[in-house]
Amino acid sequence: MPESKTKGQIEAAVTAALTQFERDFLGRGPREARTFIVQDLVLVRLKGILSTAEQQLSLEPGGAELIKQVRSRLVEGSADTLARVVEAETGVPVVSMHTDISTRTGERVFIFELEQPLFDEV
């Protein structure tokens, strides 16, 4: 665990890394992003991730489900890479990753479960 980094510094580093992943892998980054560390969980909230075409498609019958399927497949295929990114920033192995996307709000959330809590809770 990176003892020299504060909780805020780790949260900012994870935010920057996942934002860059979205840009590099999916072609565009979020409009807004934020990371929260809670015990052994790293929660990442990305806002404004849908392209204009995806926003339009989400209004069509079956469009929202199609977007969710495609985005989920893309992220699931990169689960190991995403886990390595979070491990690099936190210094703690990732046990599991969960994600979901809302086509209504254009948000994606990631939840990474770590092998142990990052900080002692007060």
Protein backbone atom coordinates (compact mmCIF):
# COMPACT_ATOMS: atom_id res chain seq x y z
CA MET A 1 0.00 0.00 0.00
CA PRO A 2 1.47 3.40 -0.93
CA GLU A 3 2.01 4.81 2.57
CA SER A 4 3.27 8.13 1.22
CA LYS A 5 0.04 8.92 -0.65
CA THR A 6 -3.06 10.41 0.95
CA LYS A 7 -6.55 9.07 0.34
CA GLY A 8 -7.29 12.09 -1.86
CA GLN A 9 -4.15 11.57 -3.93
CA ILE A 10 -5.02 7.92 -4.55
CA GLU A 11 -8.62 8.82 -5.43
CA ALA A 12 -7.37 11.45 -7.90
CA ALA A 13 -4.88 9.02 -9.46
CA VAL A 14 -7.54 6.32 -9.93
CA THR A 15 -9.91 8.91 -11.44
CA ALA A 16 -7.23 10.07 -13.89
CA ALA A 17 -6.29 6.50 -14.84
CA LEU A 18 -9.86 5.34 -15.49
CA THR A 19 -10.67 8.53 -17.38
CA GLN A 20 -7.65 7.87 -19.60
CA PHE A 21 -8.78 4.26 -20.07
CA GLU A 22 -12.19 5.47 -21.27
CA ARG A 23 -10.50 7.87 -23.71
CA ASP A 24 -8.00 5.35 -25.05
CA PHE A 25 -10.17 2.25 -25.17
CA LEU A 26 -13.66 3.60 -25.83
CA GLY A 27 -12.76 6.69 -27.83
CA ARG A 28 -13.95 9.39 -25.45
CA GLY A 29 -13.68 10.21 -21.80
CA PRO A 30 -16.32 11.20 -19.31
CA ARG A 31 -17.48 14.78 -18.85
CA GLU A 32 -16.93 14.40 -15.11
CA ALA A 33 -15.35 11.70 -12.94
CA ARG A 34 -14.88 11.06 -9.23
CA THR A 35 -13.43 8.25 -7.12
CA PHE A 36 -14.31 7.37 -3.53
CA ILE A 37 -12.40 4.97 -1.30
CA VAL A 38 -14.54 3.32 1.37
CA GLN A 39 -12.73 0.68 3.44
CA ASP A 40 -11.86 -2.07 0.93
CA LEU A 41 -13.93 -0.60 -1.92
CA VAL A 42 -12.88 1.80 -4.66
CA LEU A 43 -15.98 3.38 -6.23
CA VAL A 44 -15.61 5.31 -9.47
CA ARG A 45 -18.42 7.40 -10.94
CA LEU A 46 -18.11 8.61 -14.53
CA LYS A 47 -20.64 11.11 -15.84
CA GLY A 48 -21.34 12.04 -19.44
CA ILE A 49 -19.84 8.96 -21.06
CA LEU A 50 -22.31 8.39 -23.89
CA SER A 51 -21.54 9.68 -27.37
CA THR A 52 -24.17 11.71 -29.20
CA ALA A 53 -24.98 8.67 -31.34
CA GLU A 54 -25.42 6.50 -28.22
CA GLN A 55 -27.69 9.12 -26.65
CA GLN A 56 -29.89 9.02 -29.77
CA LEU A 57 -29.80 5.21 -29.91
CA SER A 58 -30.87 4.99 -26.26
CA LEU A 59 -34.20 6.59 -27.24
CA GLU A 60 -34.94 3.90 -29.85
CA PRO A 61 -36.76 0.66 -28.93
CA GLY A 62 -34.12 -1.77 -27.64
CA GLY A 63 -31.40 0.85 -27.97
CA ALA A 64 -30.64 1.19 -24.26
CA GLU A 65 -30.19 -2.57 -23.90
CA LEU A 66 -27.92 -2.69 -26.95
CA ILE A 67 -25.69 0.08 -25.57
CA LYS A 68 -25.46 -1.64 -22.19
CA GLN A 69 -24.55 -4.97 -23.85
CA VAL A 70 -21.84 -3.50 -26.05
CA ARG A 71 -20.31 -1.35 -23.30
CA SER A 72 -20.44 -4.23 -20.82
CA ARG A 73 -18.69 -6.59 -23.25
CA LEU A 74 -15.97 -4.03 -23.94
CA VAL A 75 -15.30 -3.43 -20.25
CA GLU A 76 -15.50 -7.12 -19.29
CA GLY A 77 -12.83 -7.83 -21.90
CA SER A 78 -10.62 -5.28 -20.16
CA ALA A 79 -11.33 -6.32 -16.57
CA ASP A 80 -7.75 -7.50 -15.97
CA THR A 81 -6.32 -4.25 -17.33
CA LEU A 82 -8.67 -2.19 -15.18
CA ALA A 83 -7.79 -4.24 -12.09
CA ARG A 84 -4.07 -3.70 -12.77
CA VAL A 85 -4.64 0.05 -13.07
CA VAL A 86 -6.40 0.18 -9.71
CA GLU A 87 -3.78 -2.09 -8.11
CA ALA A 88 -0.99 0.16 -9.42
CA GLU A 89 -2.57 3.24 -7.84
CA THR A 90 -3.65 1.65 -4.54
CA GLY A 91 -0.88 -0.87 -4.01
CA VAL A 92 -3.49 -3.50 -3.03
CA PRO A 93 -4.68 -6.42 -5.20
CA VAL A 94 -8.19 -6.22 -6.64
CA VAL A 95 -10.44 -9.14 -5.66
CA SER A 96 -13.37 -8.31 -7.94
CA MET A 97 -14.78 -5.63 -10.21
CA HIS A 98 -18.41 -4.70 -10.78
CA THR A 99 -19.76 -2.14 -13.22
CA ASP A 100 -23.00 -0.79 -14.61
CA ILE A 101 -24.04 1.95 -17.00
CA SER A 102 -27.17 4.07 -17.08
CA THR A 103 -28.30 5.07 -20.55
CA ARG A 104 -30.83 7.40 -18.92
CA THR A 105 -28.23 9.51 -17.09
CA GLY A 106 -25.16 8.69 -19.18
CA GLU A 107 -23.24 7.51 -16.13
CA ARG A 108 -21.06 4.48 -15.47
CA VAL A 109 -20.01 3.21 -12.07
CA PHE A 110 -17.15 0.88 -11.25
CA ILE A 111 -16.75 -0.84 -7.91
CA PHE A 112 -13.42 -2.51 -7.20
CA GLU A 113 -13.17 -4.73 -4.14
CA LEU A 114 -9.65 -4.76 -2.71
CA GLU A 115 -7.94 -7.57 -0.83
CA GLN A 116 -7.81 -5.35 2.27
CA PRO A 117 -8.90 -1.87 3.37
CA LEU A 118 -6.62 0.93 2.21
CA PHE A 119 -6.84 3.02 5.35
CA ASP A 120 -7.77 2.46 8.94
CA GLU A 121 -11.24 3.90 9.52
CA VAL A 122 -11.44 6.34 12.39
